N, C-alpha and C. Protein backbone atom coordinates (compact mmCIF):
# COMPACT_ATOMS: atom_id res chain seq x y z
N MET A 1 137.63 -182.85 4.61
CA MET A 1 137.15 -181.81 5.51
C MET A 1 138.29 -181.42 6.44
N TYR A 2 138.44 -180.15 6.67
CA TYR A 2 139.49 -179.65 7.54
C TYR A 2 138.95 -179.46 8.94
N MET A 3 139.70 -179.91 9.92
CA MET A 3 139.28 -179.74 11.31
C MET A 3 140.36 -178.97 12.04
N VAL A 4 139.97 -177.90 12.67
CA VAL A 4 140.92 -177.11 13.46
C VAL A 4 141.00 -177.73 14.85
N ARG A 5 142.18 -178.02 15.30
CA ARG A 5 142.40 -178.54 16.64
C ARG A 5 142.77 -177.38 17.55
N PHE A 6 141.96 -177.13 18.51
CA PHE A 6 142.21 -176.03 19.43
C PHE A 6 143.07 -176.52 20.59
N PRO A 7 144.04 -175.71 20.99
CA PRO A 7 144.90 -176.12 22.11
C PRO A 7 144.11 -176.18 23.41
N LYS A 8 144.55 -177.05 24.29
CA LYS A 8 143.91 -177.17 25.61
C LYS A 8 144.09 -175.85 26.35
N GLN A 9 143.02 -175.41 26.94
CA GLN A 9 143.10 -174.17 27.70
C GLN A 9 143.91 -174.41 28.97
N SER A 10 144.89 -173.56 29.19
CA SER A 10 145.76 -173.75 30.34
C SER A 10 145.48 -172.73 31.44
N TYR A 11 144.30 -172.20 31.45
CA TYR A 11 143.96 -171.25 32.49
C TYR A 11 142.51 -171.44 32.90
N ASN A 12 142.17 -170.94 34.04
CA ASN A 12 140.80 -171.01 34.53
C ASN A 12 140.07 -169.78 33.99
N PHE A 13 139.20 -170.00 32.99
CA PHE A 13 138.57 -168.85 32.34
C PHE A 13 137.70 -168.04 33.28
N MET A 14 137.24 -168.63 34.36
CA MET A 14 136.41 -167.88 35.31
C MET A 14 137.22 -166.82 36.06
N ASN A 15 138.54 -167.07 36.21
CA ASN A 15 139.39 -166.15 36.95
C ASN A 15 140.47 -165.54 36.07
N ALA A 16 140.34 -165.69 34.76
CA ALA A 16 141.38 -165.22 33.85
C ALA A 16 141.42 -163.70 33.79
N THR A 17 142.62 -163.21 33.59
CA THR A 17 142.77 -161.77 33.37
C THR A 17 142.41 -161.47 31.92
N GLU A 18 142.22 -160.23 31.62
CA GLU A 18 141.89 -159.84 30.25
C GLU A 18 143.02 -160.25 29.30
N GLU A 19 144.27 -160.10 29.73
CA GLU A 19 145.41 -160.48 28.91
C GLU A 19 145.44 -161.99 28.67
N GLU A 20 145.13 -162.80 29.68
CA GLU A 20 145.08 -164.26 29.51
C GLU A 20 143.98 -164.66 28.53
N GLU A 21 142.85 -164.01 28.59
CA GLU A 21 141.75 -164.30 27.67
C GLU A 21 142.15 -163.95 26.24
N LYS A 22 142.78 -162.81 26.08
CA LYS A 22 143.22 -162.38 24.75
C LYS A 22 144.23 -163.38 24.18
N GLN A 23 145.21 -163.78 24.99
CA GLN A 23 146.23 -164.72 24.53
C GLN A 23 145.61 -166.08 24.20
N SER A 24 144.68 -166.54 24.99
CA SER A 24 144.02 -167.81 24.73
C SER A 24 143.26 -167.76 23.41
N LEU A 25 142.57 -166.65 23.15
CA LEU A 25 141.86 -166.48 21.89
C LEU A 25 142.84 -166.50 20.72
N LEU A 26 143.93 -165.78 20.84
CA LEU A 26 144.93 -165.76 19.77
C LEU A 26 145.51 -167.15 19.55
N ASP A 27 145.82 -167.87 20.63
CA ASP A 27 146.37 -169.22 20.51
C ASP A 27 145.39 -170.18 19.83
N SER A 28 144.11 -170.06 20.14
CA SER A 28 143.14 -170.97 19.55
C SER A 28 142.82 -170.60 18.10
N TYR A 29 142.99 -169.35 17.73
CA TYR A 29 142.68 -168.89 16.38
C TYR A 29 143.84 -169.14 15.42
N GLU A 30 145.06 -169.24 15.93
CA GLU A 30 146.24 -169.36 15.09
C GLU A 30 146.24 -170.59 14.17
N PRO A 31 145.83 -171.78 14.61
CA PRO A 31 145.81 -172.92 13.66
C PRO A 31 144.93 -172.64 12.43
N PHE A 32 143.84 -171.96 12.63
CA PHE A 32 142.97 -171.62 11.50
C PHE A 32 143.64 -170.56 10.62
N ARG A 33 144.21 -169.53 11.22
CA ARG A 33 144.87 -168.47 10.44
C ARG A 33 146.02 -169.02 9.61
N SER A 34 146.66 -170.07 10.09
CA SER A 34 147.80 -170.66 9.38
C SER A 34 147.37 -171.68 8.33
N SER A 35 146.11 -172.03 8.30
CA SER A 35 145.63 -173.06 7.38
C SER A 35 145.32 -172.48 6.00
N SER A 36 145.14 -173.37 5.04
CA SER A 36 144.78 -172.95 3.68
C SER A 36 143.32 -172.48 3.59
N TYR A 37 142.57 -172.67 4.65
CA TYR A 37 141.16 -172.28 4.65
C TYR A 37 140.95 -170.83 5.07
N TYR A 38 141.96 -170.22 5.63
CA TYR A 38 141.80 -168.87 6.17
C TYR A 38 141.48 -167.84 5.08
N GLU A 39 142.24 -167.83 4.01
CA GLU A 39 142.04 -166.81 2.97
C GLU A 39 140.67 -166.93 2.30
N PRO A 40 140.22 -168.13 1.91
CA PRO A 40 138.85 -168.22 1.36
C PRO A 40 137.79 -167.79 2.37
N ALA A 41 137.98 -168.14 3.63
CA ALA A 41 137.01 -167.74 4.66
C ALA A 41 137.00 -166.22 4.84
N ARG A 42 138.16 -165.61 4.75
CA ARG A 42 138.25 -164.15 4.88
C ARG A 42 137.51 -163.46 3.73
N LYS A 43 137.64 -164.02 2.53
CA LYS A 43 136.94 -163.45 1.37
C LYS A 43 135.42 -163.58 1.53
N ILE A 44 134.99 -164.72 2.03
CA ILE A 44 133.56 -164.91 2.27
C ILE A 44 133.08 -163.93 3.33
N ALA A 45 133.85 -163.77 4.40
CA ALA A 45 133.46 -162.86 5.48
C ALA A 45 133.35 -161.42 4.99
N GLN A 46 134.15 -161.03 4.01
CA GLN A 46 134.04 -159.67 3.45
C GLN A 46 132.67 -159.45 2.81
N LEU A 47 132.09 -160.51 2.25
CA LEU A 47 130.76 -160.39 1.64
C LEU A 47 129.69 -160.11 2.68
N TYR A 48 129.94 -160.51 3.92
CA TYR A 48 128.98 -160.25 5.00
C TYR A 48 128.81 -158.76 5.27
N LYS A 49 129.72 -157.94 4.76
CA LYS A 49 129.67 -156.49 4.99
C LYS A 49 129.30 -155.73 3.73
N GLN A 50 128.55 -156.38 2.85
CA GLN A 50 128.06 -155.74 1.63
C GLN A 50 126.57 -156.05 1.48
N LYS A 51 125.78 -155.03 1.38
CA LYS A 51 124.33 -155.19 1.25
C LYS A 51 124.00 -156.04 0.03
N GLY A 52 123.14 -157.05 0.25
CA GLY A 52 122.63 -157.85 -0.86
C GLY A 52 123.57 -158.91 -1.39
N THR A 53 124.51 -159.41 -0.58
CA THR A 53 125.48 -160.36 -1.09
C THR A 53 125.37 -161.76 -0.52
N VAL A 54 124.45 -162.01 0.40
CA VAL A 54 124.34 -163.32 1.02
C VAL A 54 122.90 -163.80 0.91
N GLY A 55 122.73 -165.05 0.50
CA GLY A 55 121.39 -165.60 0.39
C GLY A 55 121.37 -167.06 0.75
N PHE A 56 120.19 -167.56 1.03
CA PHE A 56 119.97 -168.98 1.34
C PHE A 56 119.30 -169.60 0.13
N LYS A 57 119.94 -170.62 -0.46
CA LYS A 57 119.38 -171.30 -1.63
C LYS A 57 118.53 -172.46 -1.16
N THR A 58 117.25 -172.39 -1.46
CA THR A 58 116.32 -173.42 -1.02
C THR A 58 116.35 -174.61 -1.97
N VAL A 59 115.71 -175.67 -1.56
CA VAL A 59 115.71 -176.91 -2.33
C VAL A 59 115.13 -176.73 -3.73
N ASP A 60 114.24 -175.75 -3.92
CA ASP A 60 113.68 -175.52 -5.26
C ASP A 60 114.49 -174.52 -6.08
N GLY A 61 115.64 -174.07 -5.55
CA GLY A 61 116.51 -173.16 -6.30
C GLY A 61 116.28 -171.69 -6.00
N THR A 62 115.25 -171.38 -5.24
CA THR A 62 115.00 -169.99 -4.86
C THR A 62 116.12 -169.51 -3.94
N ILE A 63 116.59 -168.29 -4.17
CA ILE A 63 117.59 -167.71 -3.27
C ILE A 63 116.90 -166.64 -2.44
N VAL A 64 116.84 -166.87 -1.14
CA VAL A 64 116.22 -165.94 -0.20
C VAL A 64 117.32 -165.04 0.34
N PRO A 65 117.26 -163.72 0.06
CA PRO A 65 118.30 -162.80 0.53
C PRO A 65 118.32 -162.74 2.06
N LEU A 66 119.53 -162.83 2.62
CA LEU A 66 119.70 -162.69 4.06
C LEU A 66 120.19 -161.29 4.38
N GLN A 67 119.95 -160.84 5.61
CA GLN A 67 120.26 -159.47 5.98
C GLN A 67 121.77 -159.22 6.01
N THR A 68 122.20 -158.24 5.24
CA THR A 68 123.56 -157.73 5.29
C THR A 68 123.46 -156.21 5.24
N PHE A 69 124.51 -155.57 5.68
CA PHE A 69 124.55 -154.10 5.69
C PHE A 69 125.83 -153.65 5.01
N ASP A 70 125.79 -152.46 4.43
CA ASP A 70 126.99 -151.90 3.82
C ASP A 70 127.99 -151.51 4.91
N ASP A 71 129.20 -152.01 4.78
CA ASP A 71 130.34 -151.64 5.62
C ASP A 71 130.24 -152.03 7.08
N GLU A 72 129.32 -152.92 7.44
CA GLU A 72 129.27 -153.35 8.84
C GLU A 72 128.68 -154.75 8.94
N TYR A 73 129.18 -155.48 9.91
CA TYR A 73 128.65 -156.80 10.24
C TYR A 73 128.11 -156.70 11.67
N ILE A 74 126.84 -157.00 11.83
CA ILE A 74 126.19 -156.93 13.14
C ILE A 74 125.92 -158.37 13.59
N LYS A 75 126.62 -158.82 14.65
CA LYS A 75 126.55 -160.23 15.02
C LYS A 75 125.16 -160.69 15.41
N SER A 76 124.29 -159.80 15.82
CA SER A 76 122.94 -160.21 16.20
C SER A 76 121.94 -160.07 15.06
N SER A 77 122.37 -159.60 13.90
CA SER A 77 121.44 -159.35 12.80
C SER A 77 121.90 -159.86 11.45
N SER A 78 123.17 -159.66 11.13
CA SER A 78 123.67 -160.02 9.80
C SER A 78 123.60 -161.52 9.56
N ILE A 79 123.13 -161.89 8.40
CA ILE A 79 122.98 -163.24 7.84
C ILE A 79 122.16 -164.22 8.67
N ILE A 80 121.54 -163.79 9.75
CA ILE A 80 120.67 -164.69 10.50
C ILE A 80 119.21 -164.25 10.39
N HIS A 81 118.97 -163.22 9.61
CA HIS A 81 117.61 -162.74 9.37
C HIS A 81 117.40 -162.60 7.87
N ILE A 82 116.16 -162.60 7.45
CA ILE A 82 115.84 -162.33 6.05
C ILE A 82 115.97 -160.83 5.82
N ASP A 83 116.47 -160.47 4.66
CA ASP A 83 116.79 -159.09 4.32
C ASP A 83 115.59 -158.16 4.34
N ILE A 84 115.80 -156.96 4.86
CA ILE A 84 114.86 -155.86 4.68
C ILE A 84 115.45 -155.05 3.53
N PRO A 85 114.90 -155.16 2.34
CA PRO A 85 115.54 -154.58 1.16
C PRO A 85 115.89 -153.10 1.26
N LYS A 86 115.06 -152.31 1.90
CA LYS A 86 115.29 -150.86 1.94
C LYS A 86 116.25 -150.43 3.04
N MET A 87 116.75 -151.36 3.86
CA MET A 87 117.66 -151.01 4.95
C MET A 87 119.09 -151.37 4.58
N SER A 88 119.92 -150.37 4.35
CA SER A 88 121.31 -150.65 4.03
C SER A 88 122.23 -150.37 5.21
N ASN A 89 121.69 -149.73 6.22
CA ASN A 89 122.48 -149.35 7.37
C ASN A 89 121.75 -149.75 8.64
N TYR A 90 122.45 -150.35 9.56
CA TYR A 90 121.84 -150.87 10.79
C TYR A 90 121.29 -149.77 11.69
N SER A 91 121.94 -148.65 11.72
CA SER A 91 121.58 -147.63 12.72
C SER A 91 120.78 -146.46 12.18
N PHE A 92 120.53 -146.41 10.88
CA PHE A 92 119.78 -145.27 10.34
C PHE A 92 118.50 -145.76 9.68
N TYR A 93 117.41 -145.24 10.14
CA TYR A 93 116.11 -145.58 9.56
C TYR A 93 115.49 -144.31 9.01
N ASP A 94 115.03 -144.38 7.79
CA ASP A 94 114.40 -143.24 7.16
C ASP A 94 112.93 -143.55 6.92
N TYR A 95 112.20 -143.80 7.99
CA TYR A 95 110.79 -144.11 7.88
C TYR A 95 110.09 -143.65 9.16
N ASP A 96 108.79 -143.56 9.07
CA ASP A 96 107.98 -143.16 10.22
C ASP A 96 107.31 -144.42 10.78
N PRO A 97 107.68 -144.86 11.98
CA PRO A 97 107.12 -146.11 12.53
C PRO A 97 105.63 -146.04 12.83
N PHE A 98 105.07 -144.85 12.79
CA PHE A 98 103.64 -144.69 13.08
C PHE A 98 102.81 -144.51 11.82
N ASN A 99 103.46 -144.48 10.67
CA ASN A 99 102.75 -144.29 9.40
C ASN A 99 102.46 -145.66 8.78
N LYS A 100 101.20 -146.04 8.83
CA LYS A 100 100.78 -147.35 8.33
C LYS A 100 101.06 -147.52 6.83
N LYS A 101 101.02 -146.43 6.09
CA LYS A 101 101.26 -146.50 4.64
C LYS A 101 102.69 -146.90 4.31
N GLU A 102 103.63 -146.66 5.22
CA GLU A 102 105.03 -146.98 4.96
C GLU A 102 105.34 -148.46 5.16
N ILE A 103 104.45 -149.20 5.78
CA ILE A 103 104.67 -150.64 5.98
C ILE A 103 104.88 -151.31 4.63
N GLN A 104 104.04 -151.03 3.66
CA GLN A 104 104.14 -151.62 2.32
C GLN A 104 105.46 -151.24 1.65
N THR A 105 105.95 -150.03 1.92
CA THR A 105 107.19 -149.55 1.31
C THR A 105 108.42 -150.28 1.86
N TYR A 106 108.44 -150.52 3.16
CA TYR A 106 109.65 -151.06 3.79
C TYR A 106 109.63 -152.56 4.05
N LEU A 107 108.46 -153.13 4.25
CA LEU A 107 108.39 -154.55 4.60
C LEU A 107 107.83 -155.38 3.45
N ASN A 108 108.08 -156.69 3.53
CA ASN A 108 107.46 -157.62 2.60
C ASN A 108 106.93 -158.80 3.41
N GLU A 109 106.49 -159.83 2.74
CA GLU A 109 105.84 -160.95 3.43
C GLU A 109 106.78 -161.71 4.37
N ASP A 110 108.08 -161.48 4.27
CA ASP A 110 109.06 -162.13 5.14
C ASP A 110 109.30 -161.36 6.44
N PHE A 111 108.48 -160.38 6.74
CA PHE A 111 108.73 -159.46 7.85
C PHE A 111 108.96 -160.13 9.20
N ILE A 112 108.40 -161.30 9.42
CA ILE A 112 108.51 -161.94 10.74
C ILE A 112 109.96 -162.37 11.02
N LEU A 113 110.78 -162.55 9.99
CA LEU A 113 112.19 -162.89 10.19
C LEU A 113 113.13 -161.73 9.90
N ASN A 114 112.62 -160.50 9.95
CA ASN A 114 113.48 -159.32 9.85
C ASN A 114 114.17 -159.09 11.19
N TYR A 115 115.27 -158.36 11.18
CA TYR A 115 116.05 -158.18 12.39
C TYR A 115 115.45 -157.20 13.38
N THR A 116 114.47 -156.46 12.98
CA THR A 116 113.88 -155.48 13.89
C THR A 116 112.38 -155.42 13.68
N TYR A 117 111.69 -155.06 14.72
CA TYR A 117 110.25 -154.83 14.62
C TYR A 117 110.09 -153.33 14.39
N MET A 118 109.85 -152.95 13.16
CA MET A 118 110.00 -151.56 12.73
C MET A 118 108.80 -150.66 12.99
N PHE A 119 107.62 -151.21 13.01
CA PHE A 119 106.45 -150.36 13.03
C PHE A 119 105.65 -150.53 14.32
N ALA A 120 104.95 -149.50 14.67
CA ALA A 120 104.15 -149.48 15.90
C ALA A 120 102.76 -150.08 15.66
N TYR A 121 102.75 -151.23 15.01
CA TYR A 121 101.50 -151.93 14.73
C TYR A 121 101.67 -153.40 15.10
N ASP A 122 100.57 -154.05 15.42
CA ASP A 122 100.67 -155.46 15.79
C ASP A 122 100.89 -156.32 14.54
N VAL A 123 101.28 -157.56 14.77
CA VAL A 123 101.60 -158.50 13.70
C VAL A 123 100.42 -158.69 12.75
N ASP A 124 99.21 -158.76 13.28
CA ASP A 124 98.04 -158.96 12.42
C ASP A 124 97.85 -157.80 11.45
N THR A 125 98.10 -156.58 11.91
CA THR A 125 97.96 -155.42 11.02
C THR A 125 99.01 -155.47 9.92
N ILE A 126 100.25 -155.75 10.29
CA ILE A 126 101.32 -155.83 9.28
C ILE A 126 101.03 -156.98 8.31
N LEU A 127 100.59 -158.12 8.84
CA LEU A 127 100.27 -159.27 8.01
C LEU A 127 99.16 -158.93 7.01
N SER A 128 98.18 -158.16 7.44
CA SER A 128 97.07 -157.80 6.54
C SER A 128 97.54 -156.90 5.40
N ILE A 129 98.67 -156.24 5.58
CA ILE A 129 99.18 -155.33 4.55
C ILE A 129 100.17 -156.03 3.61
N VAL A 130 101.14 -156.78 4.17
CA VAL A 130 102.19 -157.36 3.33
C VAL A 130 102.14 -158.88 3.21
N GLY A 131 101.31 -159.53 4.01
CA GLY A 131 101.30 -160.99 3.96
C GLY A 131 99.93 -161.59 3.85
N LYS A 132 98.99 -160.84 3.33
CA LYS A 132 97.60 -161.33 3.30
C LYS A 132 97.43 -162.57 2.43
N ASN A 133 98.38 -162.84 1.52
CA ASN A 133 98.28 -164.02 0.67
C ASN A 133 99.14 -165.18 1.16
N ASN A 134 99.76 -165.03 2.33
CA ASN A 134 100.58 -166.11 2.89
C ASN A 134 99.69 -167.29 3.27
N LYS A 135 99.98 -168.45 2.73
CA LYS A 135 99.22 -169.66 2.99
C LYS A 135 99.26 -170.05 4.47
N HIS A 136 100.38 -169.74 5.14
CA HIS A 136 100.57 -170.14 6.54
C HIS A 136 100.67 -168.94 7.47
N GLY A 137 99.87 -167.93 7.23
CA GLY A 137 99.86 -166.77 8.11
C GLY A 137 101.16 -165.99 8.05
N PHE A 138 101.76 -165.74 9.22
CA PHE A 138 102.98 -164.93 9.23
C PHE A 138 104.21 -165.68 8.73
N LEU A 139 104.09 -166.99 8.48
CA LEU A 139 105.19 -167.73 7.86
C LEU A 139 105.06 -167.60 6.35
N SER A 140 105.91 -166.79 5.77
CA SER A 140 105.85 -166.50 4.33
C SER A 140 106.29 -167.72 3.51
N PRO A 141 106.01 -167.68 2.20
CA PRO A 141 106.49 -168.77 1.33
C PRO A 141 108.01 -168.96 1.42
N ASN A 142 108.79 -167.87 1.53
CA ASN A 142 110.25 -168.02 1.64
C ASN A 142 110.65 -168.70 2.94
N ILE A 143 109.98 -168.39 4.02
CA ILE A 143 110.28 -169.03 5.30
C ILE A 143 109.94 -170.52 5.22
N ILE A 144 108.81 -170.85 4.61
CA ILE A 144 108.43 -172.25 4.43
C ILE A 144 109.48 -172.97 3.57
N LYS A 145 109.97 -172.32 2.52
CA LYS A 145 111.00 -172.93 1.67
C LYS A 145 112.28 -173.20 2.46
N ILE A 146 112.68 -172.27 3.32
CA ILE A 146 113.87 -172.48 4.14
C ILE A 146 113.64 -173.65 5.09
N LEU A 147 112.52 -173.68 5.75
CA LEU A 147 112.23 -174.75 6.71
C LEU A 147 112.16 -176.12 6.04
N THR A 148 111.52 -176.19 4.86
CA THR A 148 111.44 -177.48 4.17
C THR A 148 112.81 -177.89 3.64
N THR A 149 113.66 -176.93 3.30
CA THR A 149 115.02 -177.25 2.88
C THR A 149 115.79 -177.88 4.04
N PHE A 150 115.51 -177.43 5.26
CA PHE A 150 116.15 -178.02 6.44
C PHE A 150 115.54 -179.37 6.81
N GLY A 151 114.49 -179.78 6.14
CA GLY A 151 113.91 -181.09 6.39
C GLY A 151 112.55 -181.07 7.07
N TRP A 152 112.03 -179.91 7.39
CA TRP A 152 110.68 -179.84 7.96
C TRP A 152 109.69 -180.26 6.88
N THR A 153 108.54 -180.71 7.30
CA THR A 153 107.48 -181.07 6.37
C THR A 153 106.38 -180.03 6.44
N GLU A 154 106.03 -179.50 5.28
CA GLU A 154 104.94 -178.53 5.22
C GLU A 154 103.62 -179.26 5.43
N LYS A 155 102.76 -178.64 6.20
CA LYS A 155 101.44 -179.23 6.48
C LYS A 155 100.75 -179.54 5.16
N GLY A 156 100.27 -180.77 5.06
CA GLY A 156 99.58 -181.20 3.85
C GLY A 156 100.50 -181.81 2.80
N SER A 157 101.82 -181.81 3.06
CA SER A 157 102.77 -182.39 2.11
C SER A 157 103.26 -183.73 2.63
N LYS A 158 103.81 -184.52 1.71
CA LYS A 158 104.36 -185.82 2.09
C LYS A 158 105.62 -185.60 2.92
N SER A 159 105.75 -186.35 4.00
CA SER A 159 106.89 -186.25 4.90
C SER A 159 108.15 -186.77 4.23
N SER A 160 109.25 -186.10 4.48
CA SER A 160 110.55 -186.55 4.01
C SER A 160 111.03 -187.66 4.93
N SER A 161 111.59 -188.72 4.35
CA SER A 161 112.03 -189.86 5.17
C SER A 161 113.43 -189.64 5.73
N THR A 162 114.03 -188.54 5.42
CA THR A 162 115.39 -188.28 5.87
C THR A 162 115.43 -187.14 6.88
N ASN A 163 116.41 -187.16 7.72
CA ASN A 163 116.56 -186.07 8.66
C ASN A 163 117.98 -185.53 8.70
N ASN A 164 118.80 -185.87 7.69
CA ASN A 164 120.17 -185.39 7.62
C ASN A 164 120.25 -184.21 6.67
N ALA A 165 120.96 -183.18 7.07
CA ALA A 165 121.14 -182.01 6.21
C ALA A 165 122.63 -181.70 6.12
N VAL A 166 123.09 -181.37 4.93
CA VAL A 166 124.47 -180.96 4.71
C VAL A 166 124.43 -179.53 4.20
N VAL A 167 125.16 -178.65 4.84
CA VAL A 167 125.17 -177.25 4.42
C VAL A 167 126.41 -177.01 3.58
N ASN A 168 126.21 -176.53 2.36
CA ASN A 168 127.29 -176.18 1.45
C ASN A 168 127.21 -174.70 1.14
N TYR A 169 128.25 -174.18 0.50
CA TYR A 169 128.21 -172.80 0.09
C TYR A 169 128.88 -172.66 -1.27
N GLU A 170 128.57 -171.60 -1.93
CA GLU A 170 129.23 -171.27 -3.19
C GLU A 170 129.26 -169.76 -3.31
N ILE A 171 130.22 -169.27 -4.06
CA ILE A 171 130.25 -167.85 -4.35
C ILE A 171 129.92 -167.70 -5.82
N ALA A 172 128.83 -167.00 -6.10
CA ALA A 172 128.40 -166.79 -7.48
C ALA A 172 129.26 -165.68 -8.07
N ASN A 173 130.10 -166.03 -9.03
CA ASN A 173 130.99 -165.05 -9.65
C ASN A 173 130.45 -164.54 -10.99
N ASN A 174 129.41 -165.16 -11.48
CA ASN A 174 128.91 -164.82 -12.80
C ASN A 174 127.83 -163.73 -12.75
N VAL A 175 127.87 -162.91 -11.74
CA VAL A 175 126.92 -161.81 -11.60
C VAL A 175 127.69 -160.52 -11.40
N LYS A 176 127.02 -159.38 -11.55
CA LYS A 176 127.69 -158.09 -11.39
C LYS A 176 128.30 -157.93 -10.01
N LYS A 177 127.60 -158.40 -9.01
CA LYS A 177 128.07 -158.28 -7.63
C LYS A 177 128.24 -159.70 -7.09
N LYS A 178 129.38 -160.00 -6.48
CA LYS A 178 129.57 -161.34 -5.91
C LYS A 178 128.48 -161.62 -4.90
N PHE A 179 128.07 -162.85 -4.84
CA PHE A 179 126.95 -163.24 -3.98
C PHE A 179 127.30 -164.55 -3.32
N PHE A 180 127.14 -164.62 -2.03
CA PHE A 180 127.42 -165.83 -1.27
C PHE A 180 126.11 -166.58 -1.07
N ILE A 181 126.08 -167.84 -1.46
CA ILE A 181 124.85 -168.63 -1.41
C ILE A 181 125.04 -169.78 -0.42
N ILE A 182 124.13 -169.88 0.53
CA ILE A 182 124.15 -171.00 1.46
C ILE A 182 123.12 -172.00 0.97
N THR A 183 123.53 -173.23 0.78
CA THR A 183 122.64 -174.27 0.30
C THR A 183 122.57 -175.38 1.33
N CYS A 184 121.40 -175.87 1.58
CA CYS A 184 121.23 -176.99 2.49
C CYS A 184 120.73 -178.17 1.67
N ILE A 185 121.48 -179.26 1.65
CA ILE A 185 121.10 -180.43 0.86
C ILE A 185 120.62 -181.51 1.84
N ILE A 186 119.44 -181.99 1.61
CA ILE A 186 118.89 -183.06 2.46
C ILE A 186 119.33 -184.39 1.87
N ASN A 187 120.03 -185.17 2.66
CA ASN A 187 120.48 -186.50 2.21
C ASN A 187 119.47 -187.56 2.59
């Protein structure tokens, strides 16, 4: 495992000038940029800016697509939410938030972990349209799979005796479009 050693900060960040902050950031980033891990990490990061290229591989092998957008990475939305399949751009929405019929078109049972609350309806209304078969209410089967992969125990299931998780990744090259897969292995 590679560990980046960051240099000791030689300034008081509370009173630092913008130039001192910039230099400190560059100094701390340089050991990583100079390492053999930089180029593979840069290639992975490029996938974060392509719609449909990042997913979470659950313990049963299911790959849950995570939110990515074409040509942009949004730090508050990309790869930390489940994908909204019909949204390829963060800032453009082509739907009517007051049209109940469009909920089925744009959302799926994973809606509670989408990056935005898109419609002017309460959770129960949306759930009745796209998640009425969810065993655990607004927690969809994919959300339950992610949680159990992290070591949570689903209600009514046998508890896992372990609480250690190792996160690995792989890039699937045997598909038309490269895909980054995050896997969590419970030890």
